[in-house]
Amino acid sequence: MHSGLLSIPAQPPNYHPGMLSPKPRQCCGGIALHKKHPSFYQQILFSGMDKIILITGASSGIGAACAKKFAAAGYHLILTGRRSERLLDLKTTIEKEHAVKVLTLVFDVQDRWAVAAILGSLPDEWKQIDILINNAGLAAGRDSFENASIDDWETMLNTNVHGLLYVSKAIVPYMIANKKGHIINMGSIAGKEVYEKGNVYCASKFAVDAISKAMRIDLLQHHIRVTNINPGAVETEFALVRFKGDAQQAAATYKGIQPLSGKDIADTIFYCSQLPAHVCINDLVITCTQQAGTYYFHKDA
């Protein structure tokens, strides 16, 4: 489960035999470390971990864009998602391009017990989490209330609401212990204004809006900032998932407009996270220029 913990060279630069003990102890996949004299390996394990961010739903879209943005700024990354191959590909790319460490964790945020077990047992060096981005979420189907699938409803509520709660509940104790932190929840313009056939997806994002406000109040005493980001149309895999693989229907969602990109949202999140410690953007709605609400678009002919 912790296979993404470190990517360390077989031999450190400027290596000499005295760096390792004649009677080494085993750590991190069998690498031998000297107990009394910190070696190169100990230094990369336990130094420089001053900026750590955890991103859920990091295997694509906004989550992957956030991972790249924060890695470029020197953040060490905890990336979670359901698709292990994509996470490992992202880890490999980031570690080649940036001098940061990446820990990949594969689980579904809908699984309460997996979330608690995995995030509750993070290695000590990864517990100093500065930022949590609750990005995992989805829409399933777009049907009138009477025709909608209850299975779709449950998937959206379990992912968008319960998943956010499970992850936050696991990470907040670390932030309280650190006496600081920033939780960034991925809401939606659909959490501000209901639209036709949006029913339970809208309900789930209205819940995220309310939870974000409640977190902001309850966590005030712990110096934890909470920001709710509410995008309009963003061209990612969102529509393809919503329409269950129908690429033509998904593409029609963005026809005639230049939608936001995952990078646009990552840039916005990064801005919110880099403000001085005494500043907190509580709530932010962002749309493309051609969108002014859940219904109002100006589409090119």
C-alpha atoms as a PDB file:
ATOM      1  CA  MET A   1       0.000   0.000   0.000  1.00  0.00           C
ATOM      2  CA  HIS A   2       2.929   2.310   0.704  1.00  0.00           C
ATOM      3  CA  SER A   3       4.842   1.391  -2.454  1.00  0.00           C
ATOM      4  CA  GLY A   4       4.937   5.033  -3.479  1.00  0.00           C
ATOM      5  CA  LEU A   5       6.613   6.139  -0.267  1.00  0.00           C
ATOM      6  CA  LEU A   6      10.040   6.944  -1.601  1.00  0.00           C
ATOM      7  CA  SER A   7      12.079   6.867  -4.734  1.00  0.00           C
ATOM      8  CA  ILE A   8      15.698   6.730  -3.590  1.00  0.00           C
ATOM      9  CA  PRO A   9      18.826   5.938  -5.592  1.00  0.00           C
ATOM     10  CA  ALA A  10      20.604   2.643  -4.951  1.00  0.00           C
ATOM     11  CA  GLN A  11      23.673   4.610  -3.808  1.00  0.00           C
ATOM     12  CA  PRO A  12      23.740   8.228  -2.568  1.00  0.00           C
ATOM     13  CA  PRO A  13      25.868  10.870  -4.272  1.00  0.00           C
ATOM     14  CA  ASN A  14      29.363  11.275  -2.766  1.00  0.00           C
ATOM     15  CA  TYR A  15      28.916   7.877  -1.128  1.00  0.00           C
ATOM     16  CA  HIS A  16      31.704   6.406   0.971  1.00  0.00           C
ATOM     17  CA  PRO A  17      31.652   3.195   3.018  1.00  0.00           C
ATOM     18  CA  GLY A  18      31.772   5.038   6.349  1.00  0.00           C
ATOM     19  CA  MET A  19      28.234   6.327   5.776  1.00  0.00           C
ATOM     20  CA  LEU A  20      26.817   2.920   6.609  1.00  0.00           C
ATOM     21  CA  SER A  21      27.151   1.037   9.853  1.00  0.00           C
ATOM     22  CA  PRO A  22      29.013  -2.305   9.997  1.00  0.00           C
ATOM     23  CA  LYS A  23      25.873  -3.555  11.747  1.00  0.00           C
ATOM     24  CA  PRO A  24      23.137  -1.692   9.944  1.00  0.00           C
ATOM     25  CA  ARG A  25      19.474  -1.590  10.828  1.00  0.00           C
ATOM     26  CA  GLN A  26      16.837  -2.047   8.162  1.00  0.00           C
ATOM     27  CA  CYS A  27      14.528   0.760   7.124  1.00  0.00           C
ATOM     28  CA  CYS A  28      12.398   1.603   4.121  1.00  0.00           C
ATOM     29  CA  GLY A  29      12.617  -1.457   1.964  1.00  0.00           C
ATOM     30  CA  GLY A  30      15.868  -2.802   3.357  1.00  0.00           C
ATOM     31  CA  ILE A  31      18.106   0.239   3.041  1.00  0.00           C
ATOM     32  CA  ALA A  32      20.715   0.163   5.792  1.00  0.00           C
ATOM     33  CA  LEU A  33      21.006   3.283   7.942  1.00  0.00           C
ATOM     34  CA  HIS A  34      23.552   4.130  10.597  1.00  0.00           C
ATOM     35  CA  LYS A  35      21.933   4.586  14.004  1.00  0.00           C
ATOM     36  CA  LYS A  36      24.105   7.430  15.286  1.00  0.00           C
ATOM     37  CA  HIS A  37      25.394   9.261  12.236  1.00  0.00           C
ATOM     38  CA  PRO A  38      22.676  10.400   9.812  1.00  0.00           C
ATOM     39  CA  SER A  39      23.355   9.226   6.301  1.00  0.00           C
ATOM     40  CA  PHE A  40      22.141  10.610   3.005  1.00  0.00           C
ATOM     41  CA  TYR A  41      19.134   8.294   3.207  1.00  0.00           C
ATOM     42  CA  GLN A  42      18.088   9.564   6.624  1.00  0.00           C
ATOM     43  CA  GLN A  43      18.419  13.121   5.427  1.00  0.00           C
ATOM     44  CA  ILE A  44      16.069  12.643   2.498  1.00  0.00           C
ATOM     45  CA  LEU A  45      13.641  10.734   4.705  1.00  0.00           C
ATOM     46  CA  PHE A  46      13.329  13.178   7.542  1.00  0.00           C
ATOM     47  CA  SER A  47      14.542  16.561   6.339  1.00  0.00           C
ATOM     48  CA  GLY A  48      12.857  18.951   3.975  1.00  0.00           C
ATOM     49  CA  MET A  49       9.370  17.590   4.691  1.00  0.00           C
ATOM     50  CA  ASP A  50       8.224  21.050   5.649  1.00  0.00           C
ATOM     51  CA  LYS A  51       5.535  21.305   2.950  1.00  0.00           C
ATOM     52  CA  ILE A  52       3.168  18.359   2.502  1.00  0.00           C
ATOM     53  CA  ILE A  53      -0.125  18.274   0.640  1.00  0.00           C
ATOM     54  CA  LEU A  54      -2.663  15.458   0.400  1.00  0.00           C
ATOM     55  CA  ILE A  55      -4.845  15.351  -2.715  1.00  0.00           C
ATOM     56  CA  THR A  56      -7.732  12.931  -3.168  1.00  0.00           C
ATOM     57  CA  GLY A  57      -8.896  11.928  -6.637  1.00  0.00           C
ATOM     58  CA  ALA A  58      -5.410  12.707  -7.907  1.00  0.00           C
ATOM     59  CA  SER A  59      -5.239  10.293 -10.823  1.00  0.00           C
ATOM     60  CA  SER A  60      -6.721  12.699 -13.386  1.00  0.00           C
ATOM     61  CA  GLY A  61      -8.298  16.077 -14.042  1.00  0.00           C
ATOM     62  CA  ILE A  62      -8.181  18.748 -11.355  1.00  0.00           C
ATOM     63  CA  GLY A  63      -6.453  16.431  -8.884  1.00  0.00           C
ATOM     64  CA  ALA A  64      -3.579  15.613 -11.242  1.00  0.00           C
ATOM     65  CA  ALA A  65      -3.254  19.283 -12.204  1.00  0.00           C
ATOM     66  CA  CYS A  66      -3.015  20.231  -8.521  1.00  0.00           C
ATOM     67  CA  ALA A  67      -0.348  17.581  -7.966  1.00  0.00           C
ATOM     68  CA  LYS A  68       1.808  19.035 -10.750  1.00  0.00           C
ATOM     69  CA  LYS A  69       1.247  22.626  -9.617  1.00  0.00           C
ATOM     70  CA  PHE A  70       2.182  22.010  -5.992  1.00  0.00           C
ATOM     71  CA  ALA A  71       5.114  19.753  -6.887  1.00  0.00           C
ATOM     72  CA  ALA A  72       6.549  22.576  -8.970  1.00  0.00           C
ATOM     73  CA  ALA A  73       6.402  24.746  -5.843  1.00  0.00           C
ATOM     74  CA  GLY A  74       8.325  22.180  -3.798  1.00  0.00           C
ATOM     75  CA  TYR A  75       5.500  20.423  -1.976  1.00  0.00           C
ATOM     76  CA  HIS A  76       5.829  16.746  -1.114  1.00  0.00           C
ATOM     77  CA  LEU A  77       2.706  14.906  -2.216  1.00  0.00           C
ATOM     78  CA  ILE A  78       0.341  12.312  -0.811  1.00  0.00           C
ATOM     79  CA  LEU A  79      -1.780  11.286  -3.789  1.00  0.00           C
ATOM     80  CA  THR A  80      -4.839   9.090  -3.408  1.00  0.00           C
ATOM     81  CA  GLY A  81      -7.155   7.504  -5.938  1.00  0.00           C
ATOM     82  CA  ARG A  82      -8.633   4.249  -7.170  1.00  0.00           C
ATOM     83  CA  ARG A  83      -6.483   3.800 -10.280  1.00  0.00           C
ATOM     84  CA  SER A  84      -3.065   2.614  -9.153  1.00  0.00           C
ATOM     85  CA  GLU A  85      -1.426   2.666 -12.593  1.00  0.00           C
ATOM     86  CA  ARG A  86      -2.349   6.281 -13.187  1.00  0.00           C
ATOM     87  CA  LEU A  87      -1.144   7.290  -9.745  1.00  0.00           C
ATOM     88  CA  LEU A  88       2.179   5.556 -10.271  1.00  0.00           C
ATOM     89  CA  ASP A  89       2.586   7.139 -13.717  1.00  0.00           C
ATOM     90  CA  LEU A  90       1.929  10.560 -12.167  1.00  0.00           C
ATOM     91  CA  LYS A  91       4.369   9.832  -9.347  1.00  0.00           C
ATOM     92  CA  THR A  92       7.076   8.824 -11.842  1.00  0.00           C
ATOM     93  CA  THR A  93       6.561  11.955 -13.936  1.00  0.00           C
ATOM     94  CA  ILE A  94       6.609  14.297 -10.947  1.00  0.00           C
ATOM     95  CA  GLU A  95       9.671  12.737  -9.330  1.00  0.00           C
ATOM     96  CA  LYS A  96      11.582  12.997 -12.610  1.00  0.00           C
ATOM     97  CA  GLU A  97      10.745  16.687 -12.971  1.00  0.00           C
ATOM     98  CA  HIS A  98      10.879  17.902  -9.377  1.00  0.00           C
ATOM     99  CA  ALA A  99      12.975  17.276  -6.266  1.00  0.00           C
ATOM    100  CA  VAL A 100      10.011  16.159  -4.159  1.00  0.00           C
ATOM    101  CA  LYS A 101       8.812  12.911  -2.649  1.00  0.00           C
ATOM    102  CA  VAL A 102       5.492  11.324  -3.593  1.00  0.00           C
ATOM    103  CA  LEU A 103       3.475   8.842  -1.559  1.00  0.00           C
ATOM    104  CA  THR A 104       0.676   7.097  -3.473  1.00  0.00           C
ATOM    105  CA  LEU A 105      -2.236   5.491  -1.627  1.00  0.00           C
ATOM    106  CA  VAL A 106      -4.828   3.435  -3.480  1.00  0.00           C
ATOM    107  CA  PHE A 107      -8.318   3.352  -2.011  1.00  0.00           C
ATOM    108  CA  ASP A 108     -11.871   4.485  -2.672  1.00  0.00           C
ATOM    109  CA  VAL A 109     -12.988   7.387  -0.474  1.00  0.00           C
ATOM    110  CA  GLN A 110     -16.393   5.699  -0.231  1.00  0.00           C
ATOM    111  CA  ASP A 111     -14.805   2.955   1.878  1.00  0.00           C
ATOM    112  CA  ARG A 112     -14.958   4.315   5.427  1.00  0.00           C
ATOM    113  CA  TRP A 113     -12.783   1.609   6.939  1.00  0.00           C
ATOM    114  CA  ALA A 114     -10.097   1.749   4.259  1.00  0.00           C
ATOM    115  CA  VAL A 115      -9.857   5.524   4.620  1.00  0.00           C
ATOM    116  CA  ALA A 116      -9.545   5.299   8.409  1.00  0.00           C
ATOM    117  CA  ALA A 117      -7.029   2.446   8.327  1.00  0.00           C
ATOM    118  CA  ILE A 118      -4.748   3.874   5.641  1.00  0.00           C
ATOM    119  CA  LEU A 119      -4.801   7.561   6.568  1.00  0.00           C
ATOM    120  CA  GLY A 120      -4.776   6.740  10.258  1.00  0.00           C
ATOM    121  CA  SER A 121      -1.484   4.882   9.921  1.00  0.00           C
ATOM    122  CA  LEU A 122       0.597   7.252   7.823  1.00  0.00           C
ATOM    123  CA  PRO A 123       4.359   7.035   8.394  1.00  0.00           C
ATOM    124  CA  ASP A 124       5.428   9.693  10.900  1.00  0.00           C
ATOM    125  CA  GLU A 125       7.337  11.713   8.318  1.00  0.00           C
ATOM    126  CA  TRP A 126       4.119  12.181   6.320  1.00  0.00           C
ATOM    127  CA  LYS A 127       1.880  13.375   9.164  1.00  0.00           C
ATOM    128  CA  GLN A 128       2.896  17.039   8.967  1.00  0.00           C
ATOM    129  CA  ILE A 129       0.171  17.732   6.397  1.00  0.00           C
ATOM    130  CA  ASP A 130      -0.174  21.411   5.567  1.00  0.00           C
ATOM    131  CA  ILE A 131      -2.933  21.223   2.960  1.00  0.00           C
ATOM    132  CA  LEU A 132      -5.737  18.769   2.247  1.00  0.00           C
ATOM    133  CA  ILE A 133      -7.528  19.038  -1.092  1.00  0.00           C
ATOM    134  CA  ASN A 134     -10.767  17.064  -0.979  1.00  0.00           C
ATOM    135  CA  ASN A 135     -10.983  16.735  -4.741  1.00  0.00           C
ATOM    136  CA  ALA A 136     -12.471  13.233  -5.180  1.00  0.00           C
ATOM    137  CA  GLY A 137     -15.992  13.532  -6.520  1.00  0.00           C
ATOM    138  CA  LEU A 138     -18.235  12.773  -9.465  1.00  0.00           C
ATOM    139  CA  ALA A 139     -21.601  13.088 -11.138  1.00  0.00           C
ATOM    140  CA  ALA A 140     -23.408   9.918 -12.206  1.00  0.00           C
ATOM    141  CA  GLY A 141     -26.223  10.298 -14.718  1.00  0.00           C
ATOM    142  CA  ARG A 142     -28.339  13.304 -15.594  1.00  0.00           C
ATOM    143  CA  ASP A 143     -31.920  12.184 -15.351  1.00  0.00           C
ATOM    144  CA  SER A 144     -35.189  13.637 -14.182  1.00  0.00           C
ATOM    145  CA  PHE A 145     -35.914  12.804 -10.545  1.00  0.00           C
ATOM    146  CA  GLU A 146     -38.538  10.164 -11.315  1.00  0.00           C
ATOM    147  CA  ASN A 147     -36.240   8.382 -13.785  1.00  0.00           C
ATOM    148  CA  ALA A 148     -32.945   8.656 -11.905  1.00  0.00           C
ATOM    149  CA  SER A 149     -31.073   5.634 -10.612  1.00  0.00           C
ATOM    150  CA  ILE A 150     -30.901   5.201  -6.841  1.00  0.00           C
ATOM    151  CA  ASP A 151     -27.550   3.486  -7.368  1.00  0.00           C
ATOM    152  CA  ASP A 152     -26.284   6.682  -9.031  1.00  0.00           C
ATOM    153  CA  TRP A 153     -27.633   8.744  -6.142  1.00  0.00           C
ATOM    154  CA  GLU A 154     -25.851   6.593  -3.596  1.00  0.00           C
ATOM    155  CA  THR A 155     -22.576   6.697  -5.529  1.00  0.00           C
ATOM    156  CA  MET A 156     -22.662  10.497  -5.642  1.00  0.00           C
ATOM    157  CA  LEU A 157     -23.581  10.906  -1.980  1.00  0.00           C
ATOM    158  CA  ASN A 158     -21.060   8.311  -0.830  1.00  0.00           C
ATOM    159  CA  THR A 159     -18.253   9.880  -2.845  1.00  0.00           C
ATOM    160  CA  ASN A 160     -18.988  13.604  -2.753  1.00  0.00           C
ATOM    161  CA  VAL A 161     -20.244  13.825   0.836  1.00  0.00           C
ATOM    162  CA  HIS A 162     -19.302  10.763   2.877  1.00  0.00           C
ATOM    163  CA  GLY A 163     -15.887  10.446   1.231  1.00  0.00           C
ATOM    164  CA  LEU A 164     -15.049  14.065   1.982  1.00  0.00           C
ATOM    165  CA  LEU A 165     -16.116  13.547   5.603  1.00  0.00           C
ATOM    166  CA  TYR A 166     -14.146  10.316   6.028  1.00  0.00           C
ATOM    167  CA  VAL A 167     -10.927  11.807   4.656  1.00  0.00           C
ATOM    168  CA  SER A 168     -11.290  15.060   6.594  1.00  0.00           C
ATOM    169  CA  LYS A 169     -12.027  13.202   9.826  1.00  0.00           C
ATOM    170  CA  ALA A 170      -8.794  11.223   9.379  1.00  0.00           C
ATOM    171  CA  ILE A 171      -6.589  14.230   8.551  1.00  0.00           C
ATOM    172  CA  VAL A 172      -7.907  16.918  10.903  1.00  0.00           C
ATOM    173  CA  PRO A 173      -6.237  15.356  13.998  1.00  0.00           C
ATOM    174  CA  TYR A 174      -2.841  15.762  12.308  1.00  0.00           C
ATOM    175  CA  MET A 175      -3.586  19.421  11.592  1.00  0.00           C
ATOM    176  CA  ILE A 176      -4.782  20.019  15.144  1.00  0.00           C
ATOM    177  CA  ALA A 177      -1.568  18.482  16.467  1.00  0.00           C
ATOM    178  CA  ASN A 178       0.426  20.730  14.103  1.00  0.00           C
ATOM    179  CA  LYS A 179      -1.676  23.773  15.145  1.00  0.00           C
ATOM    180  CA  LYS A 180      -2.187  24.747  11.539  1.00  0.00           C
ATOM    181  CA  GLY A 181      -3.584  23.518   8.245  1.00  0.00           C
ATOM    182  CA  HIS A 182      -5.686  24.361   5.225  1.00  0.00           C
ATOM    183  CA  ILE A 183      -8.596  22.249   3.988  1.00  0.00           C
ATOM    184  CA  ILE A 184      -9.720  22.959   0.432  1.00  0.00           C
ATOM    185  CA  ASN A 185     -13.007  21.334  -0.529  1.00  0.00           C
ATOM    186  CA  MET A 186     -14.056  20.893  -4.130  1.00  0.00           C
ATOM    187  CA  GLY A 187     -17.600  22.167  -4.352  1.00  0.00           C
ATOM    188  CA  SER A 188     -19.388  23.236  -7.520  1.00  0.00           C
ATOM    189  CA  ILE A 189     -21.525  25.977  -8.936  1.00  0.00           C
ATOM    190  CA  ALA A 190     -24.169  23.239  -8.657  1.00  0.00           C
ATOM    191  CA  GLY A 191     -23.865  23.707  -4.892  1.00  0.00           C
ATOM    192  CA  LYS A 192     -25.041  27.288  -5.289  1.00  0.00           C
ATOM    193  CA  GLU A 193     -27.860  26.911  -7.829  1.00  0.00           C
ATOM    194  CA  VAL A 194     -29.943  23.836  -8.669  1.00  0.00           C
ATOM    195  CA  TYR A 195     -30.475  22.991 -12.319  1.00  0.00           C
ATOM    196  CA  GLU A 196     -32.836  20.662 -14.153  1.00  0.00           C
ATOM    197  CA  LYS A 197     -31.903  16.978 -13.843  1.00  0.00           C
ATOM    198  CA  GLY A 198     -29.130  17.868 -11.420  1.00  0.00           C
ATOM    199  CA  ASN A 199     -31.157  16.732  -8.363  1.00  0.00           C
ATOM    200  CA  VAL A 200     -28.871  14.629  -6.155  1.00  0.00           C
ATOM    201  CA  TYR A 201     -25.605  15.847  -7.665  1.00  0.00           C
ATOM    202  CA  CYS A 202     -26.693  19.375  -6.739  1.00  0.00           C
ATOM    203  CA  ALA A 203     -27.742  18.130  -3.306  1.00  0.00           C
ATOM    204  CA  SER A 204     -24.309  16.600  -2.735  1.00  0.00           C
ATOM    205  CA  LYS A 205     -22.574  19.857  -3.607  1.00  0.00           C
ATOM    206  CA  PHE A 206     -24.961  21.907  -1.474  1.00  0.00           C
ATOM    207  CA  ALA A 207     -23.874  19.562   1.321  1.00  0.00           C
ATOM    208  CA  VAL A 208     -20.205  20.299   0.581  1.00  0.00           C
ATOM    209  CA  ASP A 209     -21.016  24.004   0.822  1.00  0.00           C
ATOM    210  CA  ALA A 210     -22.656  23.543   4.226  1.00  0.00           C
ATOM    211  CA  ILE A 211     -19.903  21.226   5.500  1.00  0.00           C
ATOM    212  CA  SER A 212     -17.248  23.748   4.446  1.00  0.00           C
ATOM    213  CA  LYS A 213     -18.992  26.512   6.371  1.00  0.00           C
ATOM    214  CA  ALA A 214     -19.342  24.261   9.424  1.00  0.00           C
ATOM    215  CA  MET A 215     -15.691  23.213   9.252  1.00  0.00           C
ATOM    216  CA  ARG A 216     -14.638  26.856   9.049  1.00  0.00           C
ATOM    217  CA  ILE A 217     -16.531  27.643  12.254  1.00  0.00           C
ATOM    218  CA  ASP A 218     -15.659  24.505  14.233  1.00  0.00           C
ATOM    219  CA  LEU A 219     -11.959  24.484  13.299  1.00  0.00           C
ATOM    220  CA  LEU A 220     -11.447  28.207  13.877  1.00  0.00           C
ATOM    221  CA  GLN A 221      -9.961  27.548  17.315  1.00  0.00           C
ATOM    222  CA  HIS A 222      -7.290  25.300  15.779  1.00  0.00           C
ATOM    223  CA  HIS A 223      -5.971  27.850  13.251  1.00  0.00           C
ATOM    224  CA  ILE A 224      -7.168  25.678  10.370  1.00  0.00           C
ATOM    225  CA  ARG A 225      -8.285  27.494   7.238  1.00  0.00           C
ATOM    226  CA  VAL A 226     -11.127  26.107   5.125  1.00  0.00           C
ATOM    227  CA  THR A 227     -11.818  27.112   1.528  1.00  0.00           C
ATOM    228  CA  ASN A 228     -14.683  25.927  -0.666  1.00  0.00           C
ATOM    229  CA  ILE A 229     -13.898  26.088  -4.408  1.00  0.00           C
ATOM    230  CA  ASN A 230     -16.957  26.098  -6.684  1.00  0.00           C
ATOM    231  CA  PRO A 231     -16.126  25.681 -10.384  1.00  0.00           C
ATOM    232  CA  GLY A 232     -18.502  25.943 -13.280  1.00  0.00           C
ATOM    233  CA  ALA A 233     -17.830  23.983 -16.472  1.00  0.00           C
ATOM    234  CA  VAL A 234     -14.381  22.372 -16.376  1.00  0.00           C
ATOM    235  CA  GLU A 235     -13.288  20.094 -19.222  1.00  0.00           C
ATOM    236  CA  THR A 236     -11.951  16.964 -17.540  1.00  0.00           C
ATOM    237  CA  GLU A 237     -13.258  13.393 -17.399  1.00  0.00           C
ATOM    238  CA  PHE A 238     -16.224  14.709 -15.401  1.00  0.00           C
ATOM    239  CA  ALA A 239     -18.746  14.657 -18.252  1.00  0.00           C
ATOM    240  CA  LEU A 240     -17.466  11.330 -19.584  1.00  0.00           C
ATOM    241  CA  VAL A 241     -18.046   9.772 -16.148  1.00  0.00           C
ATOM    242  CA  ARG A 242     -21.437  11.438 -15.793  1.00  0.00           C
ATOM    243  CA  PHE A 243     -22.601  10.072 -19.138  1.00  0.00           C
ATOM    244  CA  LYS A 244     -21.037   6.669 -18.435  1.00  0.00           C
ATOM    245  CA  GLY A 245     -18.519   6.617 -21.248  1.00  0.00           C
ATOM    246  CA  ASP A 246     -20.633   8.285 -23.954  1.00  0.00           C
ATOM    247  CA  ALA A 247     -17.901  10.462 -25.490  1.00  0.00           C
ATOM    248  CA  GLN A 248     -20.244  12.219 -27.920  1.00  0.00           C
ATOM    249  CA  GLN A 249     -22.648  13.289 -25.192  1.00  0.00           C
ATOM    250  CA  ALA A 250     -19.757  14.337 -22.971  1.00  0.00           C
ATOM    251  CA  ALA A 251     -18.204  16.482 -25.715  1.00  0.00           C
ATOM    252  CA  ALA A 252     -21.551  18.227 -26.318  1.00  0.00           C
ATOM    253  CA  THR A 253     -21.364  19.597 -22.766  1.00  0.00           C
ATOM    254  CA  TYR A 254     -18.569  21.958 -23.795  1.00  0.00           C
ATOM    255  CA  LYS A 255     -19.566  22.649 -27.391  1.00  0.00           C
ATOM    256  CA  GLY A 256     -19.525  26.355 -28.235  1.00  0.00           C
ATOM    257  CA  ILE A 257     -17.622  27.488 -25.152  1.00  0.00           C
ATOM    258  CA  GLN A 258     -14.053  27.559 -23.954  1.00  0.00           C
ATOM    259  CA  PRO A 259     -14.467  25.846 -20.576  1.00  0.00           C
ATOM    260  CA  LEU A 260     -12.126  26.008 -17.660  1.00  0.00           C
ATOM    261  CA  SER A 261      -9.314  23.463 -17.523  1.00  0.00           C
ATOM    262  CA  GLY A 262      -7.986  21.449 -14.622  1.00  0.00           C
ATOM    263  CA  LYS A 263      -4.941  23.719 -14.670  1.00  0.00           C
ATOM    264  CA  ASP A 264      -7.159  26.807 -14.259  1.00  0.00           C
ATOM    265  CA  ILE A 265      -8.616  25.345 -11.065  1.00  0.00           C
ATOM    266  CA  ALA A 266      -5.206  24.201  -9.824  1.00  0.00           C
ATOM    267  CA  ASP A 267      -3.837  27.721 -10.312  1.00  0.00           C
ATOM    268  CA  THR A 268      -6.777  29.151  -8.349  1.00  0.00           C
ATOM    269  CA  ILE A 269      -6.381  26.648  -5.517  1.00  0.00           C
ATOM    270  CA  PHE A 270      -2.670  27.356  -5.363  1.00  0.00           C
ATOM    271  CA  TYR A 271      -3.343  31.089  -5.074  1.00  0.00           C
ATOM    272  CA  CYS A 272      -5.773  30.540  -2.192  1.00  0.00           C
ATOM    273  CA  SER A 273      -3.259  28.340  -0.388  1.00  0.00           C
ATOM    274  CA  GLN A 274      -0.357  30.793  -0.658  1.00  0.00           C
ATOM    275  CA  LEU A 275      -1.971  33.793   0.975  1.00  0.00           C
ATOM    276  CA  PRO A 276      -0.568  34.963   4.329  1.00  0.00           C
ATOM    277  CA  ALA A 277      -1.553  32.832   7.313  1.00  0.00           C
ATOM    278  CA  HIS A 278      -3.982  35.480   8.588  1.00  0.00           C
ATOM    279  CA  VAL A 279      -5.940  35.470   5.295  1.00  0.00           C
ATOM    280  CA  CYS A 280      -8.563  32.860   4.377  1.00  0.00           C
ATOM    281  CA  ILE A 281     -10.712  32.787   1.261  1.00  0.00           C
ATOM    282  CA  ASN A 282     -13.774  31.029   2.627  1.00  0.00           C
ATOM    283  CA  ASP A 283     -15.747  30.575  -0.576  1.00  0.00           C
ATOM    284  CA  LEU A 284     -14.893  31.076  -4.231  1.00  0.00           C
ATOM    285  CA  VAL A 285     -17.029  30.637  -7.369  1.00  0.00           C
ATOM    286  CA  ILE A 286     -15.142  30.404 -10.665  1.00  0.00           C
ATOM    287  CA  THR A 287     -16.545  30.016 -14.177  1.00  0.00           C
ATOM    288  CA  CYS A 288     -15.304  30.492 -17.702  1.00  0.00           C
ATOM    289  CA  THR A 289     -16.075  33.871 -19.256  1.00  0.00           C
ATOM    290  CA  GLN A 290     -18.911  32.363 -21.308  1.00  0.00           C
ATOM    291  CA  GLN A 291     -20.755  31.027 -18.248  1.00  0.00           C
ATOM    292  CA  ALA A 292     -22.653  33.097 -15.677  1.00  0.00           C
ATOM    293  CA  GLY A 293     -24.504  30.426 -13.687  1.00  0.00           C
ATOM    294  CA  THR A 294     -25.773  26.886 -14.041  1.00  0.00           C
ATOM    295  CA  TYR A 295     -28.130  27.974 -16.852  1.00  0.00           C
ATOM    296  CA  TYR A 296     -26.577  31.037 -18.430  1.00  0.00           C
ATOM    297  CA  PHE A 297     -24.073  30.416 -21.226  1.00  0.00           C
ATOM    298  CA  HIS A 298     -23.106  32.422 -24.282  1.00  0.00           C
ATOM    299  CA  LYS A 299     -22.136  29.784 -26.814  1.00  0.00           C
ATOM    300  CA  ASP A 300     -20.383  30.411 -30.105  1.00  0.00           C
ATOM    301  CA  ALA A 301     -22.384  29.507 -33.181  1.00  0.00           C
END
